[in-house]
């Protein structure tokens, strides 16, 4: 699971824009990280004018992205590449629309993760392939 929390100015995006952003993010994980699509969560928090401040000044043109990674932990070189991929993929929604933005991520230890009370299957396993094909978690089968 990566969980993306994105703070955006109120009314900066249409519902279709938000859907498109969530799809772009999910597509990145499917393409580069090879995880089931349902692992990817994106939540948007619209900030009313005057509710977000940068340096004590209202920030009306600012998008803040907080990524909580659990599925895969990245080394420094991979993190730099990943941030570049994210930046390019989201440019049409953020940079190209004139927003200032910041991205940061945290990595949660893998053992501190469950879906529907189940420990997700190991990466590349037949069980994970089944979860990916079904696009949902299901009880692990006996070995």
Protein backbone atom coordinates (compact mmCIF):
# COMPACT_ATOMS: atom_id res chain seq x y z
CA UNK A 1 0.00 0.00 0.00
CA UNK A 2 1.08 3.40 -0.82
CA UNK A 3 -1.31 5.91 0.71
CA UNK A 4 -1.22 9.31 -0.96
CA UNK A 5 -2.68 12.25 0.92
CA UNK A 6 -2.92 15.28 -1.33
CA UNK A 7 -3.80 18.74 -0.06
CA UNK A 8 -5.17 20.96 -2.82
CA UNK A 9 -6.72 24.43 -2.97
CA UNK A 10 -10.51 24.35 -2.82
CA UNK A 11 -12.08 24.20 -6.30
CA UNK A 12 -8.69 23.92 -8.00
CA UNK A 13 -9.68 20.61 -9.59
CA UNK A 14 -12.82 19.11 -11.03
CA UNK A 15 -14.00 15.69 -9.88
CA UNK A 16 -12.72 14.36 -13.22
CA UNK A 17 -9.30 15.93 -12.54
CA UNK A 18 -9.18 14.17 -9.17
CA UNK A 19 -10.15 10.87 -10.80
CA UNK A 20 -7.49 11.39 -13.47
CA UNK A 21 -4.81 12.17 -10.87
CA UNK A 22 -5.72 9.05 -8.88
CA UNK A 23 -5.54 6.97 -12.08
CA UNK A 24 -2.13 8.40 -13.01
CA UNK A 25 -0.78 7.58 -9.55
CA UNK A 26 -2.23 4.07 -9.63
CA UNK A 27 -0.86 3.51 -13.14
CA UNK A 28 2.63 4.46 -11.91
CA UNK A 29 2.55 1.77 -9.25
CA UNK A 30 1.17 -0.83 -11.60
CA UNK A 31 3.82 -0.05 -14.23
CA UNK A 32 6.93 0.51 -12.11
CA UNK A 33 6.31 -1.24 -8.81
CA UNK A 34 4.22 -4.12 -10.17
CA UNK A 35 1.71 -4.18 -7.32
CA UNK A 36 -2.03 -4.80 -7.37
CA UNK A 37 -3.95 -1.65 -8.23
CA UNK A 38 -6.10 -1.87 -5.12
CA UNK A 39 -2.99 -1.42 -2.96
CA UNK A 40 -2.89 2.24 -4.07
CA UNK A 41 -4.98 4.71 -2.06
CA UNK A 42 -5.33 8.40 -2.85
CA UNK A 43 -7.24 10.89 -0.72
CA UNK A 44 -7.68 14.56 -1.54
CA UNK A 45 -8.13 17.24 1.08
CA UNK A 46 -9.44 20.47 -0.37
CA UNK A 47 -8.17 23.44 1.61
CA UNK A 48 -10.40 26.51 1.81
CA UNK A 49 -8.72 29.83 1.06
CA UNK A 50 -6.93 30.95 4.18
CA UNK A 51 -6.65 27.45 5.66
CA UNK A 52 -3.12 26.63 4.46
CA UNK A 53 -0.13 28.82 5.23
CA UNK A 54 3.47 28.78 4.01
CA UNK A 55 5.87 30.88 6.05
CA UNK A 56 2.93 32.47 7.84
CA UNK A 57 1.35 33.64 4.57
CA UNK A 58 -1.81 32.14 3.04
CA UNK A 59 -0.85 29.74 0.25
CA UNK A 60 -3.61 29.75 -2.36
CA UNK A 61 -1.57 28.15 -5.13
CA UNK A 62 0.01 25.26 -3.25
CA UNK A 63 -0.37 21.48 -3.56
CA UNK A 64 1.11 19.26 -0.86
CA UNK A 65 1.61 15.53 -1.42
CA UNK A 66 2.37 13.14 1.41
CA UNK A 67 3.14 9.55 0.40
CA UNK A 68 3.14 6.78 2.98
CA UNK A 69 4.89 3.72 1.53
CA UNK A 70 4.53 0.26 2.95
CA UNK A 71 4.70 -2.15 0.01
CA UNK A 72 8.26 -1.37 -1.09
CA UNK A 73 11.01 0.55 0.63
CA UNK A 74 13.36 2.51 -1.60
CA UNK A 75 17.06 3.24 -1.41
CA UNK A 76 18.31 6.80 -2.00
CA UNK A 77 19.02 6.34 -5.74
CA UNK A 78 15.65 4.71 -6.38
CA UNK A 79 13.89 7.41 -4.37
CA UNK A 80 15.46 10.12 -6.53
CA UNK A 81 14.35 8.32 -9.72
CA UNK A 82 10.86 7.72 -8.31
CA UNK A 83 10.39 11.38 -7.38
CA UNK A 84 11.38 12.32 -10.94
CA UNK A 85 8.84 9.88 -12.38
CA UNK A 86 6.13 11.27 -10.08
CA UNK A 87 7.04 14.85 -10.95
CA UNK A 88 6.80 14.17 -14.69
CA UNK A 89 3.55 12.22 -14.41
CA UNK A 90 1.79 14.85 -12.29
CA UNK A 91 3.17 17.91 -14.12
CA UNK A 92 0.00 18.37 -16.24
CA UNK A 93 -2.05 18.66 -13.05
CA UNK A 94 0.30 20.66 -10.87
CA UNK A 95 3.33 22.40 -12.36
CA UNK A 96 1.73 23.04 -15.77
CA UNK A 97 -1.25 24.67 -14.04
CA UNK A 98 1.00 27.05 -12.14
CA UNK A 99 0.81 25.49 -8.69
CA UNK A 100 3.72 25.44 -6.28
CA UNK A 101 4.07 22.02 -4.74
CA UNK A 102 5.93 19.81 -2.35
CA UNK A 103 6.18 16.02 -2.16
CA UNK A 104 7.45 13.97 0.73
CA UNK A 105 7.22 10.34 1.71
CA UNK A 106 7.47 8.16 4.75
CA UNK A 107 8.19 4.45 4.81
CA UNK A 108 6.25 2.22 7.17
CA UNK A 109 7.81 -1.12 8.15
CA UNK A 110 6.25 -3.95 6.13
CA UNK A 111 5.27 -6.03 9.20
CA UNK A 112 3.02 -3.13 10.27
CA UNK A 113 0.61 -3.69 7.39
CA UNK A 114 -2.52 -5.80 6.92
CA UNK A 115 -5.46 -5.73 4.52
CA UNK A 116 -8.81 -6.97 5.82
CA UNK A 117 -6.90 -8.52 8.70
CA UNK A 118 -4.60 -10.46 6.36
CA UNK A 119 -0.87 -10.14 5.85
CA UNK A 120 -0.42 -9.47 2.12
CA UNK A 121 1.41 -12.17 0.19
CA UNK A 122 5.11 -11.84 -0.68
CA UNK A 123 6.04 -9.79 -3.75
CA UNK A 124 6.04 -11.89 -6.92
CA UNK A 125 4.34 -14.86 -5.28
CA UNK A 126 1.50 -16.76 -6.92
CA UNK A 127 -0.82 -15.40 -4.22
CA UNK A 128 0.14 -11.80 -5.02
CA UNK A 129 -0.39 -12.52 -8.73
CA UNK A 130 -3.89 -13.78 -7.87
CA UNK A 131 -4.60 -10.68 -5.78
CA UNK A 132 -3.39 -8.53 -8.67
CA UNK A 133 -5.54 -10.38 -11.22
CA UNK A 134 -8.60 -10.24 -8.94
CA UNK A 135 -7.86 -6.61 -7.94
CA UNK A 136 -8.85 -7.43 -4.39
CA UNK A 137 -7.48 -9.26 -1.35
CA UNK A 138 -8.55 -12.80 -0.65
CA UNK A 139 -7.63 -15.46 1.86
CA UNK A 140 -4.32 -17.13 1.16
CA UNK A 141 -4.52 -20.66 -0.14
CA UNK A 142 -2.75 -23.53 1.53
CA UNK A 143 0.73 -24.33 0.20
